[in-house]
C-alpha atoms as a PDB file:
ATOM      1  CA  UNK A   1       0.014  -0.136   0.250  1.00  0.00           C
ATOM      2  CA  UNK A   2       1.771   3.436  -1.433  1.00  0.00           C
ATOM      3  CA  UNK A   3       0.379   6.507   0.666  1.00  0.00           C
ATOM      4  CA  UNK A   4       0.689   9.871  -1.341  1.00  0.00           C
ATOM      5  CA  UNK A   5       3.595  12.304   0.181  1.00  0.00           C
ATOM      6  CA  UNK A   6       1.663  14.761   0.668  1.00  0.00           C
ATOM      7  CA  UNK A   7      -0.234  12.183   2.825  1.00  0.00           C
ATOM      8  CA  UNK A   8       2.251  11.057   4.596  1.00  0.00           C
ATOM      9  CA  UNK A   9       3.576  14.513   6.003  1.00  0.00           C
ATOM     10  CA  UNK A  10       0.079  14.907   6.902  1.00  0.00           C
ATOM     11  CA  UNK A  11       0.032  11.947   8.991  1.00  0.00           C
ATOM     12  CA  UNK A  12       3.316  12.765  10.610  1.00  0.00           C
ATOM     13  CA  UNK A  13       2.413  16.328  11.303  1.00  0.00           C
ATOM     14  CA  UNK A  14      -1.213  15.446  12.873  1.00  0.00           C
ATOM     15  CA  UNK A  15       0.188  13.584  16.317  1.00  0.00           C
ATOM     16  CA  UNK A  16       2.758  16.824  17.166  1.00  0.00           C
ATOM     17  CA  UNK A  17      -0.046  19.139  16.036  1.00  0.00           C
ATOM     18  CA  UNK A  18      -2.583  17.523  18.594  1.00  0.00           C
ATOM     19  CA  UNK A  19       0.148  17.555  20.876  1.00  0.00           C
ATOM     20  CA  UNK A  20       1.013  21.508  20.315  1.00  0.00           C
ATOM     21  CA  UNK A  21      -2.791  22.146  20.725  1.00  0.00           C
ATOM     22  CA  UNK A  22      -2.814  20.475  23.946  1.00  0.00           C
ATOM     23  CA  UNK A  23      -0.215  22.368  25.572  1.00  0.00           C
ATOM     24  CA  UNK A  24      -1.590  25.538  23.737  1.00  0.00           C
ATOM     25  CA  UNK A  25      -4.925  24.549  25.425  1.00  0.00           C
ATOM     26  CA  UNK A  26      -3.424  24.049  28.732  1.00  0.00           C
ATOM     27  CA  UNK A  27      -1.364  27.419  28.751  1.00  0.00           C
ATOM     28  CA  UNK A  28      -4.569  29.100  28.353  1.00  0.00           C
ATOM     29  CA  UNK A  29      -6.156  27.565  30.617  1.00  0.00           C
ATOM     30  CA  UNK A  30      -3.509  28.111  33.419  1.00  0.00           C
ATOM     31  CA  UNK A  31      -4.013  31.495  34.879  1.00  0.00           C
ATOM     32  CA  UNK A  32      -7.673  30.706  34.781  1.00  0.00           C
ATOM     33  CA  UNK A  33      -8.144  27.303  36.312  1.00  0.00           C
ATOM     34  CA  UNK A  34      -4.925  26.498  38.008  1.00  0.00           C
ATOM     35  CA  UNK A  35      -1.857  24.148  37.361  1.00  0.00           C
ATOM     36  CA  UNK A  36      -3.693  20.569  37.926  1.00  0.00           C
ATOM     37  CA  UNK A  37      -6.240  21.701  35.221  1.00  0.00           C
ATOM     38  CA  UNK A  38      -3.842  23.147  32.831  1.00  0.00           C
ATOM     39  CA  UNK A  39      -1.824  19.625  33.217  1.00  0.00           C
ATOM     40  CA  UNK A  40      -4.942  17.622  32.966  1.00  0.00           C
ATOM     41  CA  UNK A  41      -5.695  19.921  29.677  1.00  0.00           C
ATOM     42  CA  UNK A  42      -2.244  18.733  28.569  1.00  0.00           C
ATOM     43  CA  UNK A  43      -2.380  15.393  29.342  1.00  0.00           C
ATOM     44  CA  UNK A  44      -5.384  14.825  27.707  1.00  0.00           C
ATOM     45  CA  UNK A  45      -3.452  16.630  24.430  1.00  0.00           C
ATOM     46  CA  UNK A  46      -0.941  13.942  24.866  1.00  0.00           C
ATOM     47  CA  UNK A  47      -3.464  11.003  25.243  1.00  0.00           C
ATOM     48  CA  UNK A  48      -4.943  12.057  22.221  1.00  0.00           C
ATOM     49  CA  UNK A  49      -1.854  12.244  20.260  1.00  0.00           C
ATOM     50  CA  UNK A  50      -0.630   9.050  21.115  1.00  0.00           C
ATOM     51  CA  UNK A  51      -3.678   7.570  20.678  1.00  0.00           C
ATOM     52  CA  UNK A  52      -3.776   9.144  16.677  1.00  0.00           C
ATOM     53  CA  UNK A  53      -0.120   7.827  16.503  1.00  0.00           C
ATOM     54  CA  UNK A  54      -1.464   4.200  17.586  1.00  0.00           C
ATOM     55  CA  UNK A  55      -4.343   3.846  15.290  1.00  0.00           C
ATOM     56  CA  UNK A  56      -1.920   5.003  12.647  1.00  0.00           C
ATOM     57  CA  UNK A  57       0.387   2.279  13.065  1.00  0.00           C
ATOM     58  CA  UNK A  58      -2.294  -0.418  13.459  1.00  0.00           C
ATOM     59  CA  UNK A  59      -4.298   0.531  10.646  1.00  0.00           C
ATOM     60  CA  UNK A  60      -1.147  -0.045   8.547  1.00  0.00           C
ATOM     61  CA  UNK A  61      -0.275  -3.814   9.984  1.00  0.00           C
ATOM     62  CA  UNK A  62      -4.524  -4.572   9.078  1.00  0.00           C
ATOM     63  CA  UNK A  63      -4.665  -3.047   6.021  1.00  0.00           C
ATOM     64  CA  UNK A  64      -1.489  -5.763   5.274  1.00  0.00           C
ATOM     65  CA  UNK A  65      -3.373  -8.920   6.488  1.00  0.00           C
ATOM     66  CA  UNK A  66      -5.703 -10.791   4.695  1.00  0.00           C
ATOM     67  CA  UNK A  67      -9.456  -9.372   5.466  1.00  0.00           C
ATOM     68  CA  UNK A  68     -10.868 -11.646   7.438  1.00  0.00           C
ATOM     69  CA  UNK A  69      -8.060 -11.891   9.940  1.00  0.00           C
ATOM     70  CA  UNK A  70      -7.132  -7.979   9.681  1.00  0.00           C
ATOM     71  CA  UNK A  71     -11.231  -7.771  10.603  1.00  0.00           C
ATOM     72  CA  UNK A  72     -10.790  -9.950  13.764  1.00  0.00           C
ATOM     73  CA  UNK A  73      -7.450  -8.181  15.075  1.00  0.00           C
ATOM     74  CA  UNK A  74      -9.081  -4.844  14.197  1.00  0.00           C
ATOM     75  CA  UNK A  75     -12.096  -5.614  16.588  1.00  0.00           C
ATOM     76  CA  UNK A  76      -9.963  -6.796  19.241  1.00  0.00           C
ATOM     77  CA  UNK A  77      -7.137  -4.218  19.034  1.00  0.00           C
ATOM     78  CA  UNK A  78     -10.033  -1.360  18.873  1.00  0.00           C
ATOM     79  CA  UNK A  79     -11.742  -2.861  22.107  1.00  0.00           C
ATOM     80  CA  UNK A  80      -8.560  -2.864  24.050  1.00  0.00           C
ATOM     81  CA  UNK A  81      -7.915   0.553  22.903  1.00  0.00           C
ATOM     82  CA  UNK A  82     -11.615   1.485  24.028  1.00  0.00           C
ATOM     83  CA  UNK A  83     -11.187  -0.262  27.452  1.00  0.00           C
ATOM     84  CA  UNK A  84      -7.673   1.542  28.096  1.00  0.00           C
ATOM     85  CA  UNK A  85      -9.238   4.989  27.252  1.00  0.00           C
ATOM     86  CA  UNK A  86     -12.227   4.224  29.484  1.00  0.00           C
ATOM     87  CA  UNK A  87      -9.708   3.338  32.124  1.00  0.00           C
ATOM     88  CA  UNK A  88      -7.971   6.173  31.965  1.00  0.00           C
ATOM     89  CA  UNK A  89     -11.167   8.478  32.368  1.00  0.00           C
ATOM     90  CA  UNK A  90     -11.948   6.362  35.034  1.00  0.00           C
ATOM     91  CA  UNK A  91      -9.022   7.081  36.755  1.00  0.00           C
ATOM     92  CA  UNK A  92      -9.076  10.783  35.845  1.00  0.00           C
ATOM     93  CA  UNK A  93     -12.505  10.753  37.453  1.00  0.00           C
ATOM     94  CA  UNK A  94     -11.037   8.800  40.761  1.00  0.00           C
ATOM     95  CA  UNK A  95      -8.114  11.280  41.010  1.00  0.00           C
ATOM     96  CA  UNK A  96      -9.852  14.171  40.153  1.00  0.00           C
ATOM     97  CA  UNK A  97     -13.675  14.144  39.726  1.00  0.00           C
ATOM     98  CA  UNK A  98     -14.205  17.719  39.368  1.00  0.00           C
ATOM     99  CA  UNK A  99     -11.635  17.828  36.561  1.00  0.00           C
ATOM    100  CA  UNK A 100     -12.812  15.527  34.096  1.00  0.00           C
ATOM    101  CA  UNK A 101     -13.639  18.301  31.768  1.00  0.00           C
ATOM    102  CA  UNK A 102     -10.144  19.650  31.590  1.00  0.00           C
ATOM    103  CA  UNK A 103      -8.937  16.274  30.808  1.00  0.00           C
ATOM    104  CA  UNK A 104     -11.455  15.482  28.152  1.00  0.00           C
ATOM    105  CA  UNK A 105     -11.331  19.230  26.579  1.00  0.00           C
ATOM    106  CA  UNK A 106      -7.631  18.165  26.346  1.00  0.00           C
ATOM    107  CA  UNK A 107      -8.560  15.098  24.851  1.00  0.00           C
ATOM    108  CA  UNK A 108     -11.027  16.487  22.195  1.00  0.00           C
ATOM    109  CA  UNK A 109      -8.240  18.929  20.745  1.00  0.00           C
ATOM    110  CA  UNK A 110      -8.003  16.509  18.178  1.00  0.00           C
ATOM    111  CA  UNK A 111     -10.980  17.665  16.332  1.00  0.00           C
ATOM    112  CA  UNK A 112     -10.275  21.033  15.810  1.00  0.00           C
ATOM    113  CA  UNK A 113      -6.575  19.739  14.661  1.00  0.00           C
ATOM    114  CA  UNK A 114      -8.577  17.289  11.947  1.00  0.00           C
ATOM    115  CA  UNK A 115     -10.805  20.384  10.861  1.00  0.00           C
ATOM    116  CA  UNK A 116      -8.068  22.797  10.342  1.00  0.00           C
ATOM    117  CA  UNK A 117      -5.974  20.061   8.643  1.00  0.00           C
ATOM    118  CA  UNK A 118      -9.143  19.112   6.362  1.00  0.00           C
ATOM    119  CA  UNK A 119      -9.392  23.076   5.154  1.00  0.00           C
ATOM    120  CA  UNK A 120      -5.922  23.156   4.430  1.00  0.00           C
ATOM    121  CA  UNK A 121      -6.114  20.453   2.638  1.00  0.00           C
ATOM    122  CA  UNK A 122      -8.901  21.654   0.380  1.00  0.00           C
ATOM    123  CA  UNK A 123      -7.380  24.989   0.004  1.00  0.00           C
ATOM    124  CA  UNK A 124      -4.234  23.526  -1.605  1.00  0.00           C
ATOM    125  CA  UNK A 125      -6.372  20.641  -3.968  1.00  0.00           C
ATOM    126  CA  UNK A 126      -5.818  22.486  -7.652  1.00  0.00           C
ATOM    127  CA  UNK A 127      -9.179  20.794  -8.695  1.00  0.00           C
ATOM    128  CA  UNK A 128     -12.068  19.130  -7.309  1.00  0.00           C
ATOM    129  CA  UNK A 129     -12.794  15.518  -7.912  1.00  0.00           C
ATOM    130  CA  UNK A 130     -16.264  14.788  -9.731  1.00  0.00           C
END
């Protein structure tokens, strides 16, 4: 499976952008909400970045296998990923129940990063495919 160099650059850049957006959101939260909240926002962004990297590596491996084996291992890996994310959120809820929204905000920075990357990719296209 060959990936376009343009797309490969985007896939390499996105985890760094997610981490940078989480750090920026944490810095913005610092004067308003305190150190704990800022660190939880940063931790959420870091987890989102790691999750994206894990997804990218896993998908590459799945797509190199036979369809049935790829589907079975893909479902198992993503179930494990889901359970791990739930465990981390549960851990944060147990330690900092009033600050779970800070972690969720950091974890959610990947949405604006994807939207911005999508807009820039559309702007770089010379023609629309029909």
